């Protein structure tokens, strides 16, 4: 859990930068990409915990 807590601010910065880039687009496309990012993140976290 220590690695996750340390990387949380970094992931938040990445999310904000991505959302900042997507702000130029429409809200619909931004929601779709945001959902894809969250889905990938949850899948990565699940596989990371299973590997432990």
PDB file of N, CA and C in Angstrom:
ATOM      1  N   UNK A   1       0.826  -1.204   0.000  1.00  0.00           N
ATOM      2  CA  UNK A   1       0.000   0.000   0.000  1.00  0.00           C
ATOM      3  C   UNK A   1       0.864   1.261   0.000  1.00  0.00           C
ATOM      4  N   UNK A   2       2.106   1.145   0.492  1.00  0.00           N
ATOM      5  CA  UNK A   2       2.967   2.334   0.556  1.00  0.00           C
ATOM      6  C   UNK A   2       3.265   2.863  -0.851  1.00  0.00           C
ATOM      7  N   UNK A   3       3.502   1.949  -1.808  1.00  0.00           N
ATOM      8  CA  UNK A   3       3.786   2.388  -3.174  1.00  0.00           C
ATOM      9  C   UNK A   3       2.588   3.133  -3.755  1.00  0.00           C
ATOM     10  N   UNK A   4       1.388   2.632  -3.451  1.00  0.00           N
ATOM     11  CA  UNK A   4       0.183   3.251  -4.002  1.00  0.00           C
ATOM     12  C   UNK A   4       0.002   4.657  -3.423  1.00  0.00           C
ATOM     13  N   UNK A   5       0.189   4.796  -2.112  1.00  0.00           N
ATOM     14  CA  UNK A   5       0.003   6.105  -1.482  1.00  0.00           C
ATOM     15  C   UNK A   5       1.028   7.107  -2.007  1.00  0.00           C
ATOM     16  N   UNK A   6       2.230   6.636  -2.305  1.00  0.00           N
ATOM     17  CA  UNK A   6       3.269   7.530  -2.816  1.00  0.00           C
ATOM     18  C   UNK A   6       2.961   7.949  -4.249  1.00  0.00           C
ATOM     19  N   UNK A   7       2.427   7.029  -5.053  1.00  0.00           N
ATOM     20  CA  UNK A   7       2.180   7.331  -6.460  1.00  0.00           C
ATOM     21  C   UNK A   7       0.859   8.060  -6.677  1.00  0.00           C
ATOM     22  N   UNK A   8       0.041   8.197  -5.626  1.00  0.00           N
ATOM     23  CA  UNK A   8      -1.263   8.854  -5.799  1.00  0.00           C
ATOM     24  C   UNK A   8      -1.137  10.290  -6.302  1.00  0.00           C
ATOM     25  N   UNK A   9      -0.290  11.144  -5.705  1.00  0.00           N
ATOM     26  CA  UNK A   9      -0.156  12.513  -6.222  1.00  0.00           C
ATOM     27  C   UNK A   9       0.319  12.542  -7.668  1.00  0.00           C
ATOM     28  N   UNK A  10       1.171  11.609  -8.032  1.00  0.00           N
ATOM     29  CA  UNK A  10       1.675  11.569  -9.410  1.00  0.00           C
ATOM     30  C   UNK A  10       0.545  11.237 -10.373  1.00  0.00           C
ATOM     31  N   UNK A  11      -0.271  10.239 -10.020  1.00  0.00           N
ATOM     32  CA  UNK A  11      -1.384   9.865 -10.898  1.00  0.00           C
ATOM     33  C   UNK A  11      -2.381  11.006 -10.993  1.00  0.00           C
ATOM     34  N   UNK A  12      -2.586  11.741  -9.897  1.00  0.00           N
ATOM     35  CA  UNK A  12      -3.510  12.878  -9.931  1.00  0.00           C
ATOM     36  C   UNK A  12      -2.980  13.949 -10.882  1.00  0.00           C
ATOM     37  N   UNK A  13      -1.671  14.187 -10.860  1.00  0.00           N
ATOM     38  CA  UNK A  13      -1.087  15.172 -11.776  1.00  0.00           C
ATOM     39  C   UNK A  13      -1.262  14.717 -13.221  1.00  0.00           C
ATOM     40  N   UNK A  14      -1.068  13.408 -13.461  1.00  0.00           N
ATOM     41  CA  UNK A  14      -1.234  12.881 -14.819  1.00  0.00           C
ATOM     42  C   UNK A  14      -2.680  13.041 -15.259  1.00  0.00           C
ATOM     43  N   UNK A  15      -3.623  12.700 -14.363  1.00  0.00           N
ATOM     44  CA  UNK A  15      -5.041  12.834 -14.700  1.00  0.00           C
ATOM     45  C   UNK A  15      -5.377  14.284 -15.027  1.00  0.00           C
ATOM     46  N   UNK A  16      -4.867  15.225 -14.218  1.00  0.00           N
ATOM     47  CA  UNK A  16      -5.172  16.637 -14.454  1.00  0.00           C
ATOM     48  C   UNK A  16      -4.591  17.114 -15.777  1.00  0.00           C
ATOM     49  N   UNK A  17      -3.383  16.663 -16.097  1.00  0.00           N
ATOM     50  CA  UNK A  17      -2.768  17.080 -17.361  1.00  0.00           C
ATOM     51  C   UNK A  17      -3.548  16.522 -18.540  1.00  0.00           C
ATOM     52  N   UNK A  18      -3.992  15.252 -18.405  1.00  0.00           N
ATOM     53  CA  UNK A  18      -4.776  14.640 -19.486  1.00  0.00           C
ATOM     54  C   UNK A  18      -6.105  15.364 -19.635  1.00  0.00           C
ATOM     55  N   UNK A  19      -6.772  15.644 -18.517  1.00  0.00           N
ATOM     56  CA  UNK A  19      -8.053  16.357 -18.588  1.00  0.00           C
ATOM     57  C   UNK A  19      -7.846  17.754 -19.155  1.00  0.00           C
ATOM     58  N   UNK A  20      -6.727  18.381 -18.828  1.00  0.00           N
ATOM     59  CA  UNK A  20      -6.451  19.708 -19.359  1.00  0.00           C
ATOM     60  C   UNK A  20      -6.322  19.677 -20.876  1.00  0.00           C
ATOM     61  N   UNK A  21      -5.690  18.628 -21.400  1.00  0.00           N
ATOM     62  CA  UNK A  21      -5.547  18.490 -22.847  1.00  0.00           C
ATOM     63  C   UNK A  21      -6.889  18.196 -23.494  1.00  0.00           C
ATOM     64  N   UNK A  22      -7.719  17.406 -22.786  1.00  0.00           N
ATOM     65  CA  UNK A  22      -9.007  17.009 -23.356  1.00  0.00           C
ATOM     66  C   UNK A  22     -10.057  18.102 -23.211  1.00  0.00           C
ATOM     67  N   UNK A  23      -9.756  19.131 -22.402  1.00  0.00           N
ATOM     68  CA  UNK A  23     -10.723  20.217 -22.236  1.00  0.00           C
ATOM     69  C   UNK A  23     -10.977  20.931 -23.561  1.00  0.00           C
ATOM     70  N   UNK A  24     -10.026  20.859 -24.480  1.00  0.00           N
ATOM     71  CA  UNK A  24     -10.206  21.515 -25.768  1.00  0.00           C
ATOM     72  C   UNK A  24     -11.239  20.775 -26.603  1.00  0.00           C
ATOM     73  N   UNK A  25     -11.455  19.485 -26.290  1.00  0.00           N
ATOM     74  CA  UNK A  25     -12.435  18.692 -27.030  1.00  0.00           C
ATOM     75  C   UNK A  25     -13.816  18.807 -26.422  1.00  0.00           C
ATOM     76  N   UNK A  26     -14.731  17.975 -26.933  1.00  0.00           N
ATOM     77  CA  UNK A  26     -16.093  17.991 -26.414  1.00  0.00           C
ATOM     78  C   UNK A  26     -16.174  17.201 -25.118  1.00  0.00           C
ATOM     79  N   UNK A  27     -17.191  17.478 -24.308  1.00  0.00           N
ATOM     80  CA  UNK A  27     -17.353  16.780 -23.037  1.00  0.00           C
ATOM     81  C   UNK A  27     -17.626  15.295 -23.253  1.00  0.00           C
ATOM     82  N   UNK A  28     -18.338  14.949 -24.319  1.00  0.00           N
ATOM     83  CA  UNK A  28     -18.659  13.545 -24.587  1.00  0.00           C
ATOM     84  C   UNK A  28     -17.400  12.713 -24.772  1.00  0.00           C
ATOM     85  N   UNK A  29     -16.501  13.172 -25.639  1.00  0.00           N
ATOM     86  CA  UNK A  29     -15.274  12.414 -25.893  1.00  0.00           C
ATOM     87  C   UNK A  29     -14.413  12.378 -24.640  1.00  0.00           C
ATOM     88  N   UNK A  30     -14.444  13.455 -23.857  1.00  0.00           N
ATOM     89  CA  UNK A  30     -13.642  13.496 -22.638  1.00  0.00           C
ATOM     90  C   UNK A  30     -14.148  12.456 -21.644  1.00  0.00           C
ATOM     91  N   UNK A  31     -15.464  12.305 -21.536  1.00  0.00           N
ATOM     92  CA  UNK A  31     -16.023  11.317 -20.605  1.00  0.00           C
ATOM     93  C   UNK A  31     -15.648   9.910 -21.038  1.00  0.00           C
ATOM     94  N   UNK A  32     -15.671   9.649 -22.345  1.00  0.00           N
ATOM     95  CA  UNK A  32     -15.337   8.310 -22.846  1.00  0.00           C
ATOM     96  C   UNK A  32     -13.879   7.987 -22.534  1.00  0.00           C
ATOM     97  N   UNK A  33     -12.980   8.920 -22.801  1.00  0.00           N
ATOM     98  CA  UNK A  33     -11.556   8.680 -22.539  1.00  0.00           C
ATOM     99  C   UNK A  33     -11.310   8.582 -21.039  1.00  0.00           C
ATOM    100  N   UNK A  34     -12.011   9.397 -20.246  1.00  0.00           N
ATOM    101  CA  UNK A  34     -11.851   9.357 -18.789  1.00  0.00           C
ATOM    102  C   UNK A  34     -12.271   7.991 -18.272  1.00  0.00           C
ATOM    103  N   UNK A  35     -13.399   7.457 -18.804  1.00  0.00           N
ATOM    104  CA  UNK A  35     -13.868   6.135 -18.379  1.00  0.00           C
ATOM    105  C   UNK A  35     -12.853   5.069 -18.765  1.00  0.00           C
ATOM    106  N   UNK A  36     -12.242   5.207 -19.939  1.00  0.00           N
ATOM    107  CA  UNK A  36     -11.246   4.224 -20.377  1.00  0.00           C
ATOM    108  C   UNK A  36     -10.019   4.270 -19.469  1.00  0.00           C
ATOM    109  N   UNK A  37      -9.602   5.467 -19.079  1.00  0.00           N
ATOM    110  CA  UNK A  37      -8.436   5.599 -18.195  1.00  0.00           C
ATOM    111  C   UNK A  37      -8.733   4.973 -16.841  1.00  0.00           C
ATOM    112  N   UNK A  38      -9.926   5.238 -16.293  1.00  0.00           N
ATOM    113  CA  UNK A  38     -10.283   4.669 -14.991  1.00  0.00           C
ATOM    114  C   UNK A  38     -10.356   3.154 -15.081  1.00  0.00           C
ATOM    115  N   UNK A  39     -10.933   2.632 -16.170  1.00  0.00           N
ATOM    116  CA  UNK A  39     -11.032   1.183 -16.335  1.00  0.00           C
ATOM    117  C   UNK A  39      -9.655   0.548 -16.409  1.00  0.00           C
ATOM    118  N   UNK A  40      -8.734   1.168 -17.142  1.00  0.00           N
ATOM    119  CA  UNK A  40      -7.372   0.630 -17.234  1.00  0.00           C
ATOM    120  C   UNK A  40      -6.673   0.687 -15.885  1.00  0.00           C
ATOM    121  N   UNK A  41      -6.910   1.766 -15.137  1.00  0.00           N
ATOM    122  CA  UNK A  41      -6.256   1.922 -13.842  1.00  0.00           C
ATOM    123  C   UNK A  41      -6.746   0.860 -12.869  1.00  0.00           C
ATOM    124  N   UNK A  42      -8.071   0.623 -12.839  1.00  0.00           N
ATOM    125  CA  UNK A  42      -8.608  -0.388 -11.930  1.00  0.00           C
ATOM    126  C   UNK A  42      -8.088  -1.767 -12.296  1.00  0.00           C
ATOM    127  N   UNK A  43      -7.997  -2.063 -13.594  1.00  0.00           N
ATOM    128  CA  UNK A  43      -7.500  -3.371 -14.023  1.00  0.00           C
ATOM    129  C   UNK A  43      -6.029  -3.530 -13.634  1.00  0.00           C
ATOM    130  N   UNK A  44      -5.238  -2.473 -13.790  1.00  0.00           N
ATOM    131  CA  UNK A  44      -3.825  -2.521 -13.426  1.00  0.00           C
ATOM    132  C   UNK A  44      -3.666  -2.739 -11.925  1.00  0.00           C
ATOM    133  N   UNK A  45      -4.465  -2.041 -11.115  1.00  0.00           N
ATOM    134  CA  UNK A  45      -4.384  -2.182  -9.663  1.00  0.00           C
ATOM    135  C   UNK A  45      -4.750  -3.600  -9.244  1.00  0.00           C
ATOM    136  N   UNK A  46      -5.773  -4.182  -9.891  1.00  0.00           N
ATOM    137  CA  UNK A  46      -6.202  -5.536  -9.553  1.00  0.00           C
ATOM    138  C   UNK A  46      -5.098  -6.532  -9.886  1.00  0.00           C
ATOM    139  N   UNK A  47      -4.485  -6.392 -11.054  1.00  0.00           N
ATOM    140  CA  UNK A  47      -3.407  -7.310 -11.440  1.00  0.00           C
ATOM    141  C   UNK A  47      -2.194  -7.117 -10.533  1.00  0.00           C
ATOM    142  N   UNK A  48      -1.945  -5.883 -10.100  1.00  0.00           N
ATOM    143  CA  UNK A  48      -0.812  -5.601  -9.215  1.00  0.00           C
ATOM    144  C   UNK A  48      -1.018  -6.284  -7.869  1.00  0.00           C
ATOM    145  N   UNK A  49      -2.232  -6.209  -7.332  1.00  0.00           N
ATOM    146  CA  UNK A  49      -2.517  -6.857  -6.046  1.00  0.00           C
ATOM    147  C   UNK A  49      -2.454  -8.373  -6.177  1.00  0.00           C
ATOM    148  N   UNK A  50      -2.920  -8.904  -7.303  1.00  0.00           N
ATOM    149  CA  UNK A  50      -2.886 -10.356  -7.497  1.00  0.00           C
ATOM    150  C   UNK A  50      -1.449 -10.845  -7.614  1.00  0.00           C
ATOM    151  N   UNK A  51      -0.576 -10.026  -8.196  1.00  0.00           N
ATOM    152  CA  UNK A  51       0.823 -10.443  -8.350  1.00  0.00           C
ATOM    153  C   UNK A  51       1.529 -10.497  -7.000  1.00  0.00           C
ATOM    154  N   UNK A  52       1.044  -9.726  -6.026  1.00  0.00           N
ATOM    155  CA  UNK A  52       1.650  -9.753  -4.690  1.00  0.00           C
ATOM    156  C   UNK A  52       1.262 -11.049  -4.013  1.00  0.00           C
TER     157      UNK A  52
END
